[in-house]
Amino acid sequence: MGKRVGCMFSAIVLFAALALFGCSGATQKENVDIRVWTYYNGDQLAAFQDHIEEFNATVGADEGIHVEGYNLGSVDDLKDAALDSVRGKVGAEPVPNVVMAYADTAYSIDQMGMVADLTPYFTDEERDLYIDGYLEEGTLGGAGTIKIFPIAKSVELFVLNKTDFEPFAQATGVTTSDLQTFEGLVEVSRKYYEWTDSQTPEPDDGKAFCGFDSMANYCFIGAKQLGVSLVSVDDGEVVLDFDKQVARKLWDCYYVPFLQGYFDATGRYRSDDIKTGNIISLVGSSSGATYFPDQVVDENNFEHSIEMEVLAAPLFAGGEAWAVQQGAGMVVLDTSDEEVEASVRFLKWFTEPEQNVKFSVSSGYLPVTKSANSMDMVRAAAPDLSDRMDQVLSMGISTVESNTLYTPPAFERGSEFRDVLEYSMKNLASSDLQVVEELVGSGTSRSDAVAPYLTDAHFEKWYSQTLSQLEGLVR
């Protein structure tokens, strides 16, 4: 009898335990796994991964969300991988939850119906926390939508090798205030070429002063400053305005000084040209500041340390205050409701001022909320902020505050349109300069060598060819 009671008691306890375990298992929330694809590398990738680990250990652990970050290579590699994945191409990776994308890539994915509109996940008060221009870029033409979510942005700055600029400035009387306009930049570059030419007995061997990282940005923003939108989208119709006078101004402030040896673009990036001493200044992205060299190693392997100075990017004289906003945003793929909601939770956390400022300090990107765009907040969050990063973020935030921000609109062949602006003038300048240098090397004076390329006819030929290419892309 005692054994029977004992067995019955054990059975009751076992049944209760199993019932409790069953109920517990039924209500236990499983982790939602989120995969994020980016093109970050170096310090930026390390900073992004640190943030993912912090999220997973805190908010993610509490709310059952686990984020994994993946580097997919370059911007183009990431674009190809994302499009292959969404299209279901054989051998492609499974569709990610979040992919870093520029407007053209986001537009292509959206046309396939795979971009989640994040509007329902944000209150009006939450939307108002973000810089207006950053959210407007992500609408993809649909007013009020959020299809590209900003997490970190950059602007263009003018970065100067201050160490090598100072002796030139002392000898010629130029100052950094002369670099506020593109016209002033061309004039300073001319003086630098002539000053360096005078340092050697050989004629016509002066050095270039400046280089541009993005010719497309130069064209888009230069045109906006001069009152023209090269391309716009009106009710789905793509409108081209490749104004000839504006194009001539862009030509005169880039192609002409390039042919005369005042500008250069030899390395993969202009920071490479700074490092080799080919140039001593550049117009480039604030996010590229982490790559600015600490020393110059010239063709003779002579090394010397350099200090940089960060200035505002030049404007065209008398032009309107427009500045490019760049840096890809995050596109959330339209997967399950749980995954979209979890993705948004991570993105909201990442762009809270505390996290966003920490990422900015590590990467050179700018915060995306209004409250976080403050150097007081940045310096409070990073009391050991380097002088370089302090200069970069200070000037970046100042640029956001003092300019109207612009991003080219997204349309079907927008990427190809940008490529034409990126390469048409730059490639022509490089190929023409090669001929000029060969002539100079054989004894022709530089003025005689460049003369055939500085004619109205040469500009007209380039303009007509470029206009035809652009027209073909917007038809």
Protein backbone atom coordinates (compact mmCIF):
# COMPACT_ATOMS: atom_id res chain seq x y z
CA MET A 1 0.00 0.00 0.00
CA GLY A 2 2.83 2.37 0.90
CA LYS A 3 4.61 1.57 -2.33
CA ARG A 4 1.39 2.23 -4.29
CA VAL A 5 0.90 5.62 -2.63
CA GLY A 6 4.54 6.48 -3.22
CA CYS A 7 4.26 5.59 -6.90
CA MET A 8 1.04 7.58 -7.23
CA PHE A 9 2.70 10.61 -5.57
CA SER A 10 5.71 10.30 -7.88
CA ALA A 11 3.46 10.08 -10.90
CA ILE A 12 1.56 13.18 -9.81
CA VAL A 13 4.79 15.11 -9.32
CA LEU A 14 6.11 13.92 -12.70
CA PHE A 15 2.84 14.82 -14.42
CA ALA A 16 2.85 18.28 -12.83
CA ALA A 17 6.45 18.81 -13.87
CA LEU A 18 5.72 17.76 -17.43
CA ALA A 19 2.64 19.96 -17.53
CA LEU A 20 4.63 22.90 -16.19
CA PHE A 21 7.42 22.27 -18.70
CA GLY A 22 4.88 21.99 -21.50
CA CYS A 23 3.24 25.27 -20.56
CA SER A 24 6.60 26.94 -20.18
CA GLY A 25 7.69 25.73 -23.61
CA ALA A 26 4.43 26.91 -25.16
CA THR A 27 4.86 30.47 -23.91
CA GLN A 28 8.65 30.78 -24.29
CA LYS A 29 9.48 33.33 -27.00
CA GLU A 30 12.02 32.19 -29.55
CA ASN A 31 14.76 34.52 -30.76
CA VAL A 32 14.14 36.37 -33.98
CA ASP A 33 17.37 36.19 -35.99
CA ILE A 34 18.17 39.25 -38.10
CA ARG A 35 20.86 39.32 -40.79
CA VAL A 36 22.30 42.71 -41.79
CA TRP A 37 24.46 43.19 -44.90
CA THR A 38 26.84 46.15 -45.17
CA TYR A 39 29.84 47.34 -47.15
CA TYR A 40 31.62 48.68 -44.05
CA ASN A 41 35.26 47.75 -43.67
CA GLY A 42 38.18 48.65 -41.42
CA ASP A 43 37.38 50.89 -38.45
CA GLN A 44 33.79 51.37 -39.64
CA LEU A 45 33.11 47.63 -39.75
CA ALA A 46 34.71 47.12 -36.32
CA ALA A 47 32.57 49.91 -34.83
CA PHE A 48 29.40 48.50 -36.42
CA GLN A 49 30.10 44.99 -35.12
CA ASP A 50 30.76 46.39 -31.62
CA HIS A 51 27.33 47.98 -31.68
CA ILE A 52 25.70 44.74 -32.80
CA GLU A 53 27.34 42.88 -29.93
CA GLU A 54 26.15 45.50 -27.46
CA PHE A 55 22.59 45.31 -28.78
CA ASN A 56 22.55 41.51 -28.63
CA ALA A 57 23.81 41.53 -25.04
CA THR A 58 21.26 44.11 -23.84
CA VAL A 59 18.06 44.98 -25.71
CA GLY A 60 18.29 41.95 -27.96
CA ALA A 61 18.67 39.57 -25.02
CA ASP A 62 15.70 41.15 -23.26
CA GLU A 63 13.44 41.19 -26.30
CA GLY A 64 14.46 37.98 -28.05
CA ILE A 65 16.27 39.53 -31.02
CA HIS A 66 19.66 38.40 -32.29
CA VAL A 67 21.44 40.42 -34.98
CA GLU A 68 24.27 39.16 -37.20
CA GLY A 69 26.27 41.57 -39.33
CA TYR A 70 27.94 40.57 -42.59
CA ASN A 71 30.39 42.44 -44.80
CA LEU A 72 29.61 41.79 -48.48
CA GLY A 73 32.66 43.55 -49.92
CA SER A 74 32.54 46.84 -51.83
CA VAL A 75 29.46 48.95 -52.52
CA ASP A 76 29.12 47.31 -55.93
CA ASP A 77 29.66 43.81 -54.51
CA LEU A 78 26.93 44.44 -51.96
CA LYS A 79 24.58 45.80 -54.60
CA ASP A 80 25.07 42.75 -56.85
CA ALA A 81 24.65 40.32 -53.95
CA ALA A 82 21.45 42.02 -52.78
CA LEU A 83 19.86 42.06 -56.22
CA ASP A 84 20.87 38.45 -56.91
CA SER A 85 19.38 37.40 -53.58
CA VAL A 86 16.07 39.17 -54.09
CA ARG A 87 15.79 37.85 -57.63
CA GLY A 88 16.41 34.31 -56.41
CA LYS A 89 19.39 33.79 -58.64
CA VAL A 90 20.87 30.29 -58.48
CA GLY A 91 23.72 30.22 -55.96
CA ALA A 92 22.74 33.53 -54.35
CA GLU A 93 22.65 33.97 -50.59
CA PRO A 94 19.25 33.82 -48.84
CA VAL A 95 17.43 37.15 -48.68
CA PRO A 96 18.80 39.22 -45.77
CA ASN A 97 16.56 41.13 -43.38
CA VAL A 98 18.40 44.43 -43.73
CA VAL A 99 20.74 45.56 -46.49
CA MET A 100 22.74 48.76 -46.72
CA ALA A 101 21.81 50.46 -49.98
CA TYR A 102 21.94 53.66 -51.94
CA ALA A 103 18.81 54.98 -53.61
CA ASP A 104 19.38 53.27 -56.96
CA THR A 105 19.72 49.81 -55.37
CA ALA A 106 16.76 50.46 -53.06
CA TYR A 107 14.70 51.57 -56.05
CA SER A 108 15.46 48.34 -57.94
CA ILE A 109 14.53 46.19 -54.95
CA ASP A 110 11.39 48.25 -54.37
CA GLN A 111 10.31 47.70 -57.96
CA MET A 112 10.30 43.98 -57.14
CA GLY A 113 7.98 44.61 -54.18
CA MET A 114 10.54 43.57 -51.58
CA VAL A 115 11.14 46.81 -49.62
CA ALA A 116 9.20 47.19 -46.39
CA ASP A 117 7.67 50.61 -45.75
CA LEU A 118 8.64 51.42 -42.16
CA THR A 119 6.13 54.24 -41.72
CA PRO A 120 3.73 52.22 -39.50
CA TYR A 121 6.57 51.55 -37.06
CA PHE A 122 7.25 55.23 -36.31
CA THR A 123 5.08 57.79 -34.56
CA ASP A 124 5.10 61.40 -35.75
CA GLU A 125 7.14 62.27 -32.66
CA GLU A 126 9.74 59.63 -33.51
CA ARG A 127 10.02 60.79 -37.11
CA ASP A 128 10.56 64.34 -35.94
CA LEU A 129 13.72 63.23 -34.10
CA TYR A 130 15.57 62.71 -37.40
CA ILE A 131 17.08 65.34 -39.69
CA ASP A 132 14.40 66.05 -42.29
CA GLY A 133 16.60 65.69 -45.35
CA TYR A 134 17.77 62.25 -44.27
CA LEU A 135 14.23 60.90 -44.05
CA GLU A 136 13.15 62.63 -47.26
CA GLU A 137 15.89 60.82 -49.17
CA GLY A 138 14.38 57.49 -48.12
CA THR A 139 10.91 58.05 -49.49
CA LEU A 140 11.85 56.77 -52.97
CA GLY A 141 9.38 59.23 -54.44
CA GLY A 142 6.48 58.17 -52.25
CA ALA A 143 5.66 61.07 -49.93
CA GLY A 144 5.49 60.02 -46.30
CA THR A 145 7.07 56.60 -46.76
CA ILE A 146 10.25 55.35 -45.09
CA LYS A 147 11.93 52.87 -47.41
CA ILE A 148 15.56 53.81 -46.80
CA PHE A 149 16.27 54.35 -43.12
CA PRO A 150 19.22 56.59 -42.24
CA ILE A 151 21.69 55.33 -39.65
CA ALA A 152 24.79 57.41 -40.43
CA LYS A 153 25.49 60.06 -43.03
CA SER A 154 28.39 61.98 -44.48
CA VAL A 155 28.99 65.22 -46.34
CA GLU A 156 31.87 66.47 -48.45
CA LEU A 157 34.69 68.43 -46.87
CA PHE A 158 37.89 70.06 -48.04
CA VAL A 159 40.91 68.37 -46.46
CA LEU A 160 44.30 70.07 -46.59
CA ASN A 161 47.84 68.86 -45.97
CA LYS A 162 48.55 71.80 -43.70
CA THR A 163 52.23 70.95 -43.27
CA ASP A 164 53.07 71.31 -46.96
CA PHE A 165 50.59 74.14 -47.53
CA GLU A 166 52.20 76.50 -45.02
CA PRO A 167 55.53 77.21 -46.82
CA PHE A 168 53.62 77.76 -50.06
CA ALA A 169 51.20 80.12 -48.31
CA GLN A 170 54.02 82.09 -46.71
CA ALA A 171 55.81 82.43 -50.05
CA THR A 172 52.77 83.48 -52.10
CA GLY A 173 50.43 85.16 -49.62
CA VAL A 174 47.50 82.78 -50.20
CA THR A 175 45.32 81.83 -47.23
CA THR A 176 42.74 79.15 -46.53
CA SER A 177 40.01 81.75 -47.04
CA ASP A 178 40.96 81.71 -50.73
CA LEU A 179 39.71 78.12 -50.84
CA GLN A 180 36.06 78.89 -50.07
CA THR A 181 35.00 78.88 -53.73
CA PHE A 182 35.82 76.64 -56.68
CA GLU A 183 37.04 79.67 -58.56
CA GLY A 184 39.38 80.47 -55.67
CA LEU A 185 40.53 76.85 -55.53
CA VAL A 186 41.49 76.97 -59.22
CA GLU A 187 43.47 80.16 -58.68
CA VAL A 188 45.30 78.80 -55.64
CA SER A 189 46.03 75.60 -57.57
CA ARG A 190 47.53 77.65 -60.41
CA LYS A 191 49.77 79.49 -57.97
CA TYR A 192 50.83 76.23 -56.34
CA TYR A 193 51.76 74.70 -59.69
CA GLU A 194 53.80 77.76 -60.60
CA TRP A 195 55.46 77.95 -57.17
CA THR A 196 56.48 74.28 -57.18
CA ASP A 197 57.62 74.62 -60.80
CA SER A 198 59.93 77.44 -59.73
CA GLN A 199 61.61 75.16 -57.17
CA THR A 200 63.37 73.16 -59.92
CA PRO A 201 65.47 74.17 -62.93
CA GLU A 202 63.32 72.12 -65.32
CA PRO A 203 60.32 73.94 -66.85
CA ASP A 204 56.71 72.75 -66.68
CA ASP A 205 57.19 70.28 -63.81
CA GLY A 206 54.98 71.93 -61.21
CA LYS A 207 52.81 69.87 -58.88
CA ALA A 208 49.07 69.52 -58.68
CA PHE A 209 47.35 71.04 -55.67
CA CYS A 210 43.98 69.28 -55.39
CA GLY A 211 41.92 66.24 -56.32
CA PHE A 212 38.22 65.33 -56.19
CA ASP A 213 37.00 61.99 -54.86
CA SER A 214 33.61 62.13 -56.58
CA MET A 215 33.07 63.80 -59.92
CA ALA A 216 29.38 62.90 -59.84
CA ASN A 217 28.98 64.83 -56.61
CA TYR A 218 30.90 67.74 -58.10
CA CYS A 219 28.49 67.82 -61.05
CA PHE A 220 25.27 67.29 -59.11
CA ILE A 221 26.06 69.74 -56.30
CA GLY A 222 27.84 72.26 -58.50
CA ALA A 223 24.77 72.42 -60.72
CA LYS A 224 22.48 72.84 -57.71
CA GLN A 225 24.63 75.69 -56.43
CA LEU A 226 24.33 77.28 -59.86
CA GLY A 227 20.54 76.92 -59.82
CA VAL A 228 20.00 73.77 -61.88
CA SER A 229 18.86 70.24 -61.04
CA LEU A 230 20.56 68.00 -63.58
CA VAL A 231 17.82 65.42 -63.17
CA SER A 232 14.49 65.38 -61.38
CA VAL A 233 11.49 63.09 -61.17
CA ASP A 234 8.02 64.63 -61.57
CA ASP A 235 5.05 62.28 -61.18
CA GLY A 236 7.19 59.39 -62.31
CA GLU A 237 8.61 61.25 -65.31
CA VAL A 238 12.39 61.70 -65.34
CA VAL A 239 13.36 65.22 -66.44
CA LEU A 240 16.87 66.12 -67.64
CA ASP A 241 18.28 69.65 -67.41
CA PHE A 242 21.90 69.48 -68.58
CA ASP A 243 22.20 73.22 -68.98
CA LYS A 244 25.08 74.18 -71.29
CA GLN A 245 26.19 77.25 -69.30
CA VAL A 246 26.28 75.23 -66.10
CA ALA A 247 28.16 72.43 -67.85
CA ARG A 248 30.70 74.98 -69.12
CA LYS A 249 31.23 76.28 -65.58
CA LEU A 250 31.83 72.73 -64.34
CA TRP A 251 34.23 72.18 -67.25
CA ASP A 252 36.16 75.40 -66.62
CA CYS A 253 36.65 74.61 -62.92
CA TYR A 254 37.75 71.00 -63.38
CA TYR A 255 38.78 69.94 -66.89
CA VAL A 256 40.72 73.11 -67.69
CA PRO A 257 42.84 73.18 -64.49
CA PHE A 258 43.32 69.40 -64.71
CA LEU A 259 44.83 69.74 -68.20
CA GLN A 260 47.11 72.48 -66.93
CA GLY A 261 48.44 70.26 -64.16
CA TYR A 262 46.70 72.00 -61.27
CA PHE A 263 44.53 68.98 -60.28
CA ASP A 264 45.32 65.27 -60.25
CA ALA A 265 43.64 61.88 -59.90
CA THR A 266 46.25 59.15 -60.12
CA GLY A 267 45.61 56.82 -57.17
CA ARG A 268 42.46 54.85 -56.50
CA TYR A 269 41.39 57.51 -54.00
CA ARG A 270 42.61 61.06 -53.52
CA SER A 271 43.90 60.16 -50.05
CA ASP A 272 46.31 57.87 -51.93
CA ASP A 273 47.47 60.88 -53.95
CA ILE A 274 47.99 62.84 -50.73
CA LYS A 275 50.12 60.00 -49.37
CA THR A 276 52.37 59.95 -52.43
CA GLY A 277 52.66 63.74 -52.51
CA ASN A 278 50.88 64.08 -55.88
CA ILE A 279 48.47 66.59 -54.31
CA ILE A 280 48.19 68.38 -50.98
CA SER A 281 44.41 68.79 -50.76
CA LEU A 282 41.21 67.00 -51.66
CA VAL A 283 37.46 67.34 -51.79
CA GLY A 284 36.06 64.15 -50.29
CA SER A 285 33.65 62.52 -47.91
CA SER A 286 33.76 63.16 -44.17
CA SER A 287 33.58 59.40 -43.68
CA GLY A 288 36.89 59.06 -45.50
CA ALA A 289 38.78 61.02 -42.85
CA THR A 290 39.97 57.83 -41.18
CA TYR A 291 41.97 57.11 -44.35
CA PHE A 292 43.76 60.46 -44.50
CA PRO A 293 47.49 59.69 -44.19
CA ASP A 294 49.79 60.82 -41.38
CA GLN A 295 52.80 61.04 -43.66
CA VAL A 296 53.84 61.51 -47.25
CA VAL A 297 56.08 59.00 -49.03
CA ASP A 298 57.11 60.46 -52.38
CA GLU A 299 58.53 58.78 -55.51
CA ASN A 300 62.02 58.97 -54.01
CA ASN A 301 60.82 57.21 -50.83
CA PHE A 302 61.36 60.40 -48.87
CA GLU A 303 59.03 60.37 -45.86
CA HIS A 304 57.77 63.23 -43.75
CA SER A 305 54.91 63.54 -41.27
CA ILE A 306 51.98 65.79 -42.10
CA GLU A 307 49.17 67.47 -40.21
CA MET A 308 45.78 67.91 -41.78
CA GLU A 309 43.31 70.79 -41.62
CA VAL A 310 39.62 70.38 -42.38
CA LEU A 311 37.70 73.15 -44.17
CA ALA A 312 34.25 73.47 -45.69
CA ALA A 313 33.92 72.13 -49.22
CA PRO A 314 34.10 74.94 -51.79
CA LEU A 315 31.00 76.53 -53.31
CA PHE A 316 30.66 78.25 -56.66
CA ALA A 317 30.99 82.00 -56.24
CA GLY A 318 27.57 83.60 -55.89
CA GLY A 319 25.90 80.19 -55.83
CA GLU A 320 23.30 78.82 -53.46
CA ALA A 321 24.36 76.91 -50.36
CA TRP A 322 23.78 73.28 -51.34
CA ALA A 323 25.75 70.33 -50.00
CA VAL A 324 25.63 66.65 -50.84
CA GLN A 325 24.36 64.20 -48.27
CA GLN A 326 25.72 60.73 -48.79
CA GLY A 327 26.14 57.43 -47.04
CA ALA A 328 23.88 54.51 -47.78
CA GLY A 329 20.85 53.88 -45.60
CA MET A 330 19.32 50.65 -44.39
CA VAL A 331 16.64 48.94 -46.44
CA VAL A 332 14.47 46.46 -44.53
CA LEU A 333 13.35 43.58 -46.73
CA ASP A 334 9.67 42.70 -46.64
CA THR A 335 9.93 39.31 -44.95
CA SER A 336 7.82 38.22 -41.97
CA ASP A 337 6.11 40.76 -39.69
CA GLU A 338 8.21 39.55 -36.76
CA GLU A 339 11.46 40.01 -38.66
CA VAL A 340 10.54 43.47 -39.94
CA GLU A 341 9.53 44.56 -36.43
CA ALA A 342 12.76 43.17 -34.96
CA SER A 343 14.82 44.89 -37.68
CA VAL A 344 13.17 48.22 -36.92
CA ARG A 345 13.84 47.74 -33.21
CA PHE A 346 17.55 47.34 -33.90
CA LEU A 347 17.66 50.35 -36.22
CA LYS A 348 15.85 52.55 -33.69
CA TRP A 349 18.29 51.50 -30.99
CA PHE A 350 21.29 52.10 -33.26
CA THR A 351 20.16 55.66 -34.00
CA GLU A 352 19.48 56.65 -30.41
CA PRO A 353 21.84 59.57 -29.70
CA GLU A 354 24.14 57.65 -27.34
CA GLN A 355 24.77 54.79 -29.76
CA ASN A 356 24.81 56.97 -32.88
CA VAL A 357 27.36 59.40 -31.46
CA LYS A 358 29.66 56.55 -30.45
CA PHE A 359 29.49 55.16 -33.97
CA SER A 360 30.21 58.61 -35.43
CA VAL A 361 33.30 59.05 -33.30
CA SER A 362 34.62 55.66 -34.43
CA SER A 363 33.73 55.94 -38.12
CA GLY A 364 33.69 59.58 -39.22
CA TYR A 365 30.02 59.37 -40.18
CA LEU A 366 27.56 61.95 -38.86
CA PRO A 367 24.67 61.17 -36.49
CA VAL A 368 21.21 61.23 -38.05
CA THR A 369 19.08 62.72 -35.29
CA LYS A 370 18.74 66.43 -34.64
CA SER A 371 19.77 66.21 -31.00
CA ALA A 372 22.88 64.13 -31.73
CA ASN A 373 24.22 66.64 -34.28
CA SER A 374 25.92 68.64 -31.58
CA MET A 375 29.63 68.82 -30.90
CA ASP A 376 28.88 69.30 -27.22
CA MET A 377 27.20 65.89 -27.19
CA VAL A 378 29.97 64.37 -29.31
CA ARG A 379 32.74 65.66 -27.04
CA ALA A 380 30.86 64.61 -23.92
CA ALA A 381 30.49 61.09 -25.31
CA ALA A 382 34.15 60.94 -26.37
CA PRO A 383 36.36 63.07 -24.10
CA ASP A 384 39.45 61.54 -25.74
CA LEU A 385 38.30 62.48 -29.25
CA SER A 386 41.28 62.95 -31.57
CA ASP A 387 41.93 66.36 -33.06
CA ARG A 388 41.41 64.94 -36.53
CA MET A 389 38.02 63.45 -35.79
CA ASP A 390 37.01 66.57 -33.86
CA GLN A 391 37.76 68.66 -36.96
CA VAL A 392 35.92 66.27 -39.26
CA LEU A 393 32.77 66.00 -37.16
CA SER A 394 32.74 69.71 -36.34
CA MET A 395 32.93 70.72 -39.99
CA GLY A 396 30.50 67.98 -40.99
CA ILE A 397 27.89 69.14 -38.49
CA SER A 398 28.48 72.76 -39.52
CA THR A 399 27.92 71.78 -43.16
CA VAL A 400 24.60 70.12 -42.29
CA GLU A 401 23.48 73.21 -40.38
CA SER A 402 24.52 75.82 -42.96
CA ASN A 403 23.49 74.16 -46.24
CA THR A 404 20.46 72.66 -47.88
CA LEU A 405 21.22 68.96 -48.26
CA TYR A 406 20.77 67.21 -51.59
CA THR A 407 20.67 63.65 -52.85
CA PRO A 408 19.96 62.84 -56.53
CA PRO A 409 16.52 61.28 -57.03
CA ALA A 410 16.11 57.57 -57.59
CA PHE A 411 14.95 56.32 -60.98
CA GLU A 412 15.34 53.20 -63.08
CA ARG A 413 18.69 54.05 -64.68
CA GLY A 414 19.90 56.41 -61.99
CA SER A 415 23.05 54.42 -61.34
CA GLU A 416 24.07 54.63 -65.00
CA PHE A 417 23.25 58.34 -65.04
CA ARG A 418 25.58 58.87 -62.09
CA ASP A 419 28.31 56.84 -63.82
CA VAL A 420 28.20 59.14 -66.85
CA LEU A 421 28.72 62.16 -64.60
CA GLU A 422 31.45 60.35 -62.70
CA TYR A 423 33.54 59.33 -65.68
CA SER A 424 32.78 61.39 -68.79
CA MET A 425 34.77 64.50 -67.87
CA LYS A 426 37.29 62.75 -65.62
CA ASN A 427 38.25 60.07 -68.14
CA LEU A 428 38.53 62.59 -70.96
CA ALA A 429 40.72 64.83 -68.79
CA SER A 430 42.98 61.91 -67.87
CA SER A 431 43.41 60.69 -71.46
CA ASP A 432 43.98 64.21 -72.80
CA LEU A 433 46.48 64.94 -70.04
CA GLN A 434 48.46 61.84 -70.98
CA VAL A 435 48.92 63.24 -74.48
CA VAL A 436 49.84 66.64 -73.06
CA GLU A 437 52.46 65.11 -70.76
CA GLU A 438 54.00 63.20 -73.66
CA LEU A 439 54.27 66.43 -75.65
CA VAL A 440 55.77 68.29 -72.71
CA GLY A 441 58.24 65.45 -72.21
CA SER A 442 59.36 65.77 -75.81
CA GLY A 443 60.05 69.47 -75.41
CA THR A 444 56.74 71.19 -76.22
CA SER A 445 55.80 73.91 -73.77
CA ARG A 446 52.78 73.11 -71.62
CA SER A 447 50.89 76.14 -72.89
CA ASP A 448 51.30 74.95 -76.50
CA ALA A 449 50.51 71.33 -75.58
CA VAL A 450 47.23 72.16 -73.87
CA ALA A 451 46.06 74.82 -76.33
CA PRO A 452 44.13 72.44 -78.67
CA TYR A 453 42.16 71.06 -75.70
CA LEU A 454 41.07 74.40 -74.25
CA THR A 455 39.00 75.48 -77.24
CA ASP A 456 35.25 75.99 -77.41
CA ALA A 457 35.09 73.22 -79.99
CA HIS A 458 36.59 70.67 -77.61
CA PHE A 459 34.08 71.59 -74.92
CA GLU A 460 31.21 71.45 -77.40
CA LYS A 461 32.21 67.96 -78.48
CA TRP A 462 32.31 66.69 -74.89
CA TYR A 463 29.05 68.44 -74.03
CA SER A 464 27.19 67.00 -77.03
CA GLN A 465 28.41 63.47 -76.36
CA THR A 466 27.58 63.65 -72.66
CA LEU A 467 24.16 65.19 -73.32
CA SER A 468 23.37 62.37 -75.75
CA GLN A 469 24.36 59.75 -73.17
CA LEU A 470 22.25 61.34 -70.46
CA GLU A 471 19.24 61.76 -72.75
CA GLY A 472 19.40 58.08 -73.60
CA LEU A 473 19.18 57.19 -69.92
CA VAL A 474 16.14 59.31 -69.07
CA ARG A 475 13.99 58.46 -72.09
